[in-house]
N, C-alpha and C. Protein backbone atom coordinates (compact mmCIF):
# COMPACT_ATOMS: atom_id res chain seq x y z
N LEU A 1 -300.04 -64.99 -79.34
CA LEU A 1 -301.35 -65.65 -79.41
C LEU A 1 -302.76 -65.26 -78.08
N VAL A 2 -301.58 -64.98 -77.28
CA VAL A 2 -302.91 -64.82 -75.94
C VAL A 2 -303.90 -63.79 -76.35
N ASP A 3 -303.05 -62.77 -76.62
CA ASP A 3 -303.38 -61.36 -76.96
C ASP A 3 -304.71 -61.61 -78.27
N LEU A 4 -304.23 -63.02 -79.03
CA LEU A 4 -305.36 -63.18 -80.34
C LEU A 4 -306.53 -64.12 -79.57
N PHE A 5 -306.30 -64.55 -78.65
CA PHE A 5 -307.34 -65.21 -78.04
C PHE A 5 -308.27 -64.64 -77.27
N ASN A 6 -307.88 -63.41 -76.93
CA ASN A 6 -308.41 -62.49 -75.49
C ASN A 6 -309.14 -61.95 -76.63
N ALA A 7 -308.92 -61.27 -77.53
CA ALA A 7 -309.78 -60.90 -78.15
C ALA A 7 -310.55 -61.59 -79.12
N PHE A 8 -310.51 -62.79 -78.98
CA PHE A 8 -311.13 -63.47 -79.91
C PHE A 8 -312.96 -64.12 -79.03
N LEU A 9 -312.38 -64.00 -77.62
CA LEU A 9 -313.09 -64.28 -76.45
C LEU A 9 -313.83 -62.77 -75.96
N ALA A 10 -313.46 -61.55 -76.26
CA ALA A 10 -314.36 -60.29 -76.40
C ALA A 10 -314.73 -59.97 -77.48
N LYS A 11 -314.62 -60.85 -78.49
CA LYS A 11 -315.66 -60.97 -79.58
C LYS A 11 -315.29 -59.49 -80.27
N LYS A 12 -313.84 -59.31 -79.91
CA LYS A 12 -313.07 -58.26 -81.06
C LYS A 12 -312.96 -58.67 -82.39
N VAL A 13 -312.73 -60.19 -82.80
CA VAL A 13 -312.54 -60.43 -83.86
C VAL A 13 -313.38 -61.81 -83.56
N ASP A 14 -313.44 -62.59 -85.28
CA ASP A 14 -314.81 -63.56 -85.72
C ASP A 14 -313.81 -64.74 -85.63
N VAL A 15 -312.99 -64.67 -85.94
CA VAL A 15 -312.37 -65.98 -86.72
C VAL A 15 -310.61 -66.33 -86.26
N VAL A 16 -310.19 -67.36 -85.66
CA VAL A 16 -308.71 -67.59 -85.05
C VAL A 16 -308.05 -68.63 -86.11
N LEU A 17 -307.12 -68.07 -87.00
CA LEU A 17 -306.65 -69.37 -88.29
C LEU A 17 -305.32 -70.08 -87.89
N LEU A 18 -305.47 -71.13 -87.19
CA LEU A 18 -303.97 -71.88 -86.44
C LEU A 18 -303.74 -72.94 -87.32
N ASN A 19 -302.47 -73.50 -87.21
CA ASN A 19 -302.06 -74.69 -87.50
C ASN A 19 -302.81 -75.64 -87.09
N TYR A 20 -303.46 -76.90 -87.90
CA TYR A 20 -304.13 -77.76 -87.38
C TYR A 20 -304.04 -78.03 -86.10
N GLY A 21 -302.56 -79.11 -86.23
CA GLY A 21 -301.98 -79.51 -84.84
C GLY A 21 -302.54 -79.01 -83.62
N TYR A 22 -302.28 -77.39 -83.63
CA TYR A 22 -302.29 -76.62 -82.63
C TYR A 22 -303.41 -75.93 -82.38
N ALA A 23 -304.46 -76.38 -83.11
CA ALA A 23 -305.71 -75.82 -83.09
C ALA A 23 -306.33 -77.06 -82.03
N ARG A 24 -306.26 -78.44 -82.88
CA ARG A 24 -306.35 -79.33 -82.50
C ARG A 24 -306.38 -79.48 -80.68
N TYR A 25 -305.05 -79.13 -80.21
CA TYR A 25 -304.47 -79.32 -79.32
C TYR A 25 -305.33 -78.05 -77.78
N LEU A 26 -305.38 -77.19 -78.30
CA LEU A 26 -306.58 -76.45 -77.44
C LEU A 26 -307.94 -76.38 -77.63
N TYR A 27 -308.25 -76.96 -78.96
CA TYR A 27 -309.46 -77.46 -77.88
C TYR A 27 -310.10 -78.72 -77.74
N ASN A 28 -309.20 -79.51 -77.71
CA ASN A 28 -308.91 -80.75 -76.82
C ASN A 28 -308.01 -80.21 -74.84
N THR A 29 -308.16 -79.36 -74.82
CA THR A 29 -307.24 -78.98 -73.50
C THR A 29 -308.25 -77.98 -73.06
N THR A 30 -309.00 -77.39 -73.62
CA THR A 30 -309.55 -75.87 -72.97
C THR A 30 -310.74 -76.24 -72.41
N SER A 31 -311.65 -74.99 -71.78
CA SER A 31 -313.24 -75.79 -72.12
C SER A 31 -313.74 -75.38 -73.39
N SER A 32 -315.30 -75.50 -73.53
CA SER A 32 -316.04 -75.06 -74.72
C SER A 32 -315.97 -73.53 -75.09
N LYS A 33 -314.56 -73.04 -75.03
CA LYS A 33 -315.06 -71.33 -75.29
C LYS A 33 -314.56 -71.16 -76.64
N PHE A 34 -314.65 -72.14 -77.50
CA PHE A 34 -314.71 -72.42 -78.95
C PHE A 34 -314.78 -73.60 -79.95
N LYS A 35 -314.94 -73.48 -80.84
CA LYS A 35 -315.29 -74.86 -82.02
C LYS A 35 -314.56 -74.68 -83.18
N LEU A 36 -313.98 -75.95 -83.51
CA LEU A 36 -313.46 -76.18 -85.10
C LEU A 36 -314.32 -76.11 -85.33
N VAL A 37 -313.75 -74.93 -86.25
CA VAL A 37 -314.51 -75.46 -88.11
C VAL A 37 -314.83 -75.61 -89.33
N GLY A 38 -314.93 -76.76 -89.99
CA GLY A 38 -314.25 -77.21 -91.21
C GLY A 38 -312.85 -78.46 -90.46
N GLY A 39 -312.38 -78.69 -91.71
CA GLY A 39 -311.10 -79.28 -91.48
C GLY A 39 -309.83 -78.41 -91.64
N LYS A 40 -308.97 -78.96 -92.27
CA LYS A 40 -307.69 -78.87 -92.54
C LYS A 40 -307.66 -77.83 -93.58
N ILE A 41 -307.01 -76.47 -94.06
CA ILE A 41 -307.23 -75.81 -95.11
C ILE A 41 -305.49 -75.83 -95.66
N PRO A 42 -305.11 -76.52 -96.90
CA PRO A 42 -304.00 -76.53 -97.88
C PRO A 42 -303.30 -75.45 -97.57
N ILE A 43 -302.40 -75.02 -97.47
CA ILE A 43 -301.86 -74.01 -97.84
C ILE A 43 -301.93 -73.14 -99.28
N GLY A 44 -301.74 -74.15 -100.55
CA GLY A 44 -301.63 -73.97 -101.38
C GLY A 44 -300.82 -72.63 -102.39
N ASN A 45 -301.35 -71.70 -102.05
CA ASN A 45 -301.01 -70.32 -102.81
C ASN A 45 -300.62 -69.44 -101.63
N GLY A 46 -300.92 -69.98 -100.85
CA GLY A 46 -300.95 -68.58 -99.03
C GLY A 46 -302.58 -68.24 -98.77
N TYR A 47 -302.01 -67.42 -97.51
CA TYR A 47 -303.67 -66.50 -96.84
C TYR A 47 -303.74 -65.24 -97.63
N GLY A 48 -304.65 -65.09 -97.23
CA GLY A 48 -304.76 -62.95 -97.81
C GLY A 48 -305.39 -62.87 -96.11
N ILE A 49 -304.84 -61.35 -95.76
CA ILE A 49 -304.88 -61.06 -94.33
C ILE A 49 -305.84 -59.34 -95.45
N LEU A 50 -306.91 -59.70 -94.72
CA LEU A 50 -308.16 -58.25 -94.54
C LEU A 50 -307.75 -57.35 -93.69
N ALA A 51 -308.35 -56.31 -94.27
CA ALA A 51 -308.30 -55.42 -92.80
C ALA A 51 -309.07 -54.21 -93.43
N LEU A 52 -310.26 -53.20 -92.90
CA LEU A 52 -310.82 -51.80 -93.78
C LEU A 52 -310.05 -51.33 -94.22
N LYS A 53 -310.14 -50.47 -95.30
CA LYS A 53 -309.23 -49.20 -95.29
C LYS A 53 -308.58 -48.16 -94.34
N SER A 54 -309.57 -48.18 -93.78
CA SER A 54 -308.95 -47.39 -92.68
C SER A 54 -308.23 -47.91 -91.36
N ASN A 55 -308.07 -49.03 -92.38
CA ASN A 55 -306.90 -49.45 -91.07
C ASN A 55 -305.42 -49.75 -92.20
N ARG A 56 -305.25 -49.55 -93.17
CA ARG A 56 -303.91 -49.10 -93.81
C ARG A 56 -303.11 -49.31 -93.56
N HIS A 57 -302.65 -48.32 -92.75
CA HIS A 57 -301.23 -48.51 -91.91
C HIS A 57 -300.95 -49.92 -91.09
N LEU A 58 -302.38 -50.16 -90.75
CA LEU A 58 -301.84 -51.79 -90.39
C LEU A 58 -301.38 -52.89 -91.44
N ILE A 59 -302.15 -52.76 -92.48
CA ILE A 59 -302.18 -53.17 -93.70
C ILE A 59 -300.36 -53.27 -94.24
N GLU A 60 -300.09 -52.00 -94.07
CA GLU A 60 -298.87 -51.29 -94.22
C GLU A 60 -297.27 -52.19 -93.49
N GLN A 61 -297.88 -52.08 -91.96
CA GLN A 61 -296.95 -52.77 -91.05
C GLN A 61 -297.23 -54.07 -91.77
N ILE A 62 -297.94 -55.44 -91.79
CA ILE A 62 -297.95 -56.32 -92.05
C ILE A 62 -296.97 -56.72 -93.36
N ASN A 63 -297.48 -56.28 -94.27
CA ASN A 63 -296.63 -56.04 -95.34
C ASN A 63 -295.16 -55.83 -95.27
N HIS A 64 -294.80 -55.04 -94.48
CA HIS A 64 -292.99 -54.35 -94.38
C HIS A 64 -292.92 -56.07 -93.45
N ILE A 65 -293.05 -56.00 -92.68
CA ILE A 65 -293.10 -57.32 -91.99
C ILE A 65 -292.86 -58.85 -92.56
N LEU A 66 -293.74 -59.14 -93.65
CA LEU A 66 -293.79 -60.51 -94.02
C LEU A 66 -292.74 -60.14 -95.40
N LEU A 67 -292.56 -58.85 -95.66
CA LEU A 67 -291.21 -58.77 -96.63
C LEU A 67 -289.78 -59.27 -95.87
N ASN A 68 -289.77 -58.77 -94.53
CA ASN A 68 -288.09 -58.95 -94.21
C ASN A 68 -288.27 -60.18 -93.61
N MET A 69 -289.59 -60.42 -93.48
CA MET A 69 -289.42 -62.70 -93.31
C MET A 69 -289.23 -63.40 -94.18
N GLU A 70 -289.51 -62.43 -95.57
CA GLU A 70 -288.71 -63.13 -96.43
C GLU A 70 -287.28 -63.42 -97.17
N GLU A 71 -287.39 -61.88 -97.01
CA GLU A 71 -285.96 -61.66 -97.28
C GLU A 71 -284.77 -62.06 -96.55
N ASN A 72 -285.08 -62.67 -94.82
CA ASN A 72 -284.25 -62.84 -93.90
C ASN A 72 -284.61 -64.56 -93.46
N GLY A 73 -285.12 -65.07 -94.56
CA GLY A 73 -285.23 -66.36 -94.55
C GLY A 73 -286.58 -67.11 -93.31
N ALA A 74 -286.77 -66.02 -92.59
CA ALA A 74 -288.11 -66.50 -91.42
C ALA A 74 -288.86 -67.26 -91.90
N TYR A 75 -289.25 -66.38 -92.90
CA TYR A 75 -290.61 -66.94 -93.32
C TYR A 75 -290.70 -68.93 -94.02
N LEU A 76 -289.78 -69.00 -94.75
CA LEU A 76 -289.20 -70.03 -95.13
C LEU A 76 -288.86 -71.32 -93.55
N LYS A 77 -288.56 -70.49 -92.96
CA LYS A 77 -288.27 -71.59 -91.14
C LYS A 77 -289.14 -71.75 -91.05
N ILE A 78 -290.38 -71.07 -90.82
CA ILE A 78 -291.90 -70.93 -90.02
C ILE A 78 -292.33 -71.90 -91.19
N TYR A 79 -292.59 -71.99 -92.58
CA TYR A 79 -293.31 -72.57 -93.38
C TYR A 79 -292.70 -74.01 -93.22
N ASN A 80 -291.58 -74.72 -93.57
CA ASN A 80 -290.92 -75.67 -93.33
C ASN A 80 -291.38 -76.42 -91.76
N ARG A 81 -290.94 -75.56 -90.92
CA ARG A 81 -291.20 -75.97 -89.29
C ARG A 81 -292.78 -76.67 -88.93
N TYR A 82 -293.84 -76.14 -89.93
CA TYR A 82 -295.14 -76.07 -89.47
C TYR A 82 -296.40 -76.41 -90.43
N PHE A 83 -295.53 -76.05 -92.02
CA PHE A 83 -296.43 -76.20 -93.00
C PHE A 83 -296.07 -77.75 -93.58
N ALA A 84 -294.73 -78.05 -93.90
CA ALA A 84 -293.99 -78.68 -94.70
C ALA A 84 -295.01 -80.34 -94.65
N GLU A 85 -295.14 -81.05 -95.11
CA GLU A 85 -295.24 -82.29 -95.07
C GLU A 85 -294.24 -83.11 -95.43
């Protein structure tokens, strides 16, 4: 998460998508280095991850990790802990 926010502050990424509660916590406890945009986003059918075609190897790595997480139960564990209501 630290690397993600450092990239955000260095303007290497434009947006960081976080759990709503954690985003509010960061917003309330840090200086005004970022702002919250919009409200809660229900997960629904899930999120998409986009990358440039030149970064295909990164998407393949992400897909591999997500499939492993689904197979070993880690994905469901994370979902139930942070997103299930």
